[in-house]
Each structure stands twice: as structure tokens, then as C-alpha cells.
Amino acid sequence: MAPQTRFEIIYPPIIKQHLKSIEAKYYSLIRESLETQLQFEPAVETKNRKPLKRPVVIGAKWEIRFGPDNRFRVFYRVYDGNQQVIILAIGEKLGSRLFIGGEEVEI
């Protein structure tokens, strides 16, 4: 069996701003979840990883949900050619409202 291709996960500088509105105690959970779920086969649909029907964040093609009550949402794009996953936004869903960087985003 051939080894799986490993994807590089890229966190643009804007992600630091998104994380500031999330409690610091969740930072390790977020990083571990992303590293575990997106390093291999990031463009494979699962129960908590789905392609977006319409873009919520500019350029995002995928969404992953995780954390307590699936409260965290990460929007990303996969570039198969150079084996990269670009994280475009990290948000927190509270009830039916999504907050990215402390600001409510329409979903």
C-alpha cells in the first residue's frame, strides 16, 4: 500500500486575529484537530468535514466542524497541485450565529 500524501497546513497572518476572539484554552484543541484532520485527504467529505455549497468566507471551498458541541468552524481551501491546505478563517458558532474574529458573519 502506498503511503498517503501529507499536506502542508498554512495559517495566514489573519488567523491570529480570528483566534484572539476565542478563549486561549481552546488553541491546542484547534491546532491538534486541524493537524489530525487536514494533513491527509483534506478534500474527502466526512461527518464533520464538508464542501461548501456557497462560500461563507472568500475563497473557502471546505468547512470542518469540531470541539465541544461542534462549536468551532474552520474554512479552508485545498491546493492538490502543491499539497497545501490554506486556512482562511477560524470561527466559533454560538447557537445559530457564527463569529469570526469577534464579528458576526452571515451564514
Protein backbone atom coordinates (compact mmCIF):
# COMPACT_ATOMS: atom_id res chain seq x y z
CA MET A 1 0.00 0.00 0.00
CA ALA A 2 1.37 3.42 -0.99
CA PRO A 3 1.93 5.98 1.77
CA GLN A 4 -0.58 8.80 1.96
CA THR A 5 0.45 12.20 0.71
CA ARG A 6 0.93 14.70 3.51
CA PHE A 7 -0.48 18.20 3.03
CA GLU A 8 1.17 21.30 4.42
CA ILE A 9 -1.25 23.38 6.50
CA ILE A 10 -0.74 27.11 6.06
CA TYR A 11 -2.01 29.66 8.57
CA PRO A 12 -2.03 33.18 7.05
CA PRO A 13 -1.42 36.11 9.45
CA ILE A 14 -5.18 36.96 9.62
CA ILE A 15 -5.76 33.74 11.56
CA LYS A 16 -4.09 35.29 14.62
CA GLN A 17 -6.86 37.91 14.62
CA HIS A 18 -9.52 35.21 14.39
CA LEU A 19 -8.02 33.33 17.34
CA LYS A 20 -7.99 36.41 19.58
CA SER A 21 -11.78 36.18 19.94
CA ILE A 22 -11.59 32.51 21.05
CA GLU A 23 -10.62 31.52 24.58
CA ALA A 24 -6.93 30.59 24.74
CA LYS A 25 -7.73 27.27 26.42
CA TYR A 26 -9.02 26.03 23.03
CA TYR A 27 -5.91 26.88 20.99
CA SER A 28 -4.27 23.47 21.39
CA LEU A 29 -7.55 21.70 20.58
CA ILE A 30 -7.88 23.76 17.40
CA ARG A 31 -4.32 23.11 16.26
CA GLU A 32 -4.45 19.39 17.06
CA SER A 33 -7.81 18.96 15.32
CA LEU A 34 -6.60 20.72 12.18
CA GLU A 35 -3.31 18.81 12.08
CA THR A 36 -5.08 15.48 12.59
CA GLN A 37 -7.93 16.02 10.17
CA LEU A 38 -6.35 18.03 7.37
CA GLN A 39 -2.84 16.59 6.94
CA PHE A 40 -4.10 13.65 4.91
CA GLU A 41 -7.05 13.71 2.50
CA PRO A 42 -8.35 17.21 3.37
CA ALA A 43 -10.74 17.13 0.40
CA VAL A 44 -12.55 13.96 1.46
CA GLU A 45 -16.02 14.53 2.88
CA THR A 46 -16.67 13.13 6.38
CA LYS A 47 -19.34 13.62 9.02
CA ASN A 48 -17.75 16.89 10.19
CA ARG A 49 -15.88 17.93 7.03
CA LYS A 50 -17.93 19.11 4.08
CA PRO A 51 -17.56 21.06 0.85
CA LEU A 52 -19.38 24.38 0.96
CA LYS A 53 -22.41 24.82 -1.27
CA ARG A 54 -21.85 28.57 -1.28
CA PRO A 55 -18.85 30.49 0.01
CA VAL A 56 -19.15 31.87 3.55
CA VAL A 57 -15.60 33.18 3.54
CA ILE A 58 -13.92 34.47 0.38
CA GLY A 59 -12.25 31.61 -1.42
CA ALA A 60 -13.23 28.88 1.05
CA LYS A 61 -14.33 25.62 -0.52
CA TRP A 62 -14.44 23.44 2.62
CA GLU A 63 -15.62 23.62 6.22
CA ILE A 64 -14.66 21.46 9.16
CA ARG A 65 -16.53 21.38 12.49
CA PHE A 66 -15.10 20.21 15.82
CA GLY A 67 -14.81 20.94 19.52
CA PRO A 68 -17.42 20.96 22.28
CA ASP A 69 -20.85 20.81 20.60
CA ASN A 70 -19.06 21.28 17.24
CA ARG A 71 -18.72 24.95 18.13
CA PHE A 72 -15.61 25.64 16.07
CA ARG A 73 -15.72 26.15 12.32
CA VAL A 74 -12.68 26.31 10.11
CA PHE A 75 -12.98 27.36 6.48
CA TYR A 76 -10.23 26.36 4.12
CA ARG A 77 -9.15 25.67 0.57
CA VAL A 78 -7.16 22.72 -0.74
CA TYR A 79 -4.48 23.02 -3.41
CA ASP A 80 -3.75 19.48 -4.60
CA GLY A 81 -1.01 20.51 -7.03
CA ASN A 82 1.35 21.70 -4.31
CA GLN A 83 -0.17 19.65 -1.47
CA GLN A 84 -1.29 22.63 0.61
CA VAL A 85 -4.28 23.47 2.76
CA ILE A 86 -4.78 27.20 3.33
CA ILE A 87 -6.78 28.06 6.45
CA LEU A 88 -8.92 31.07 5.51
CA ALA A 89 -10.94 31.58 8.69
CA ILE A 90 -11.46 30.14 12.15
CA GLY A 91 -14.74 30.91 13.85
CA GLU A 92 -16.98 29.97 16.71
CA LYS A 93 -20.63 29.11 16.28
CA LEU A 94 -22.83 30.08 19.20
CA GLY A 95 -26.39 28.94 18.68
CA SER A 96 -27.27 29.82 15.11
CA ARG A 97 -24.70 32.64 14.91
CA LEU A 98 -21.16 32.39 13.55
CA PHE A 99 -18.42 34.70 14.81
CA ILE A 100 -15.09 35.12 13.04
CA GLY A 101 -12.60 37.45 14.68
CA GLY A 102 -15.27 38.62 17.10
CA GLU A 103 -17.60 39.76 14.32
CA GLU A 104 -20.80 38.01 13.33
CA VAL A 105 -20.76 36.51 9.84
CA GLU A 106 -23.93 35.74 7.93
CA ILE A 107 -24.31 32.05 7.20
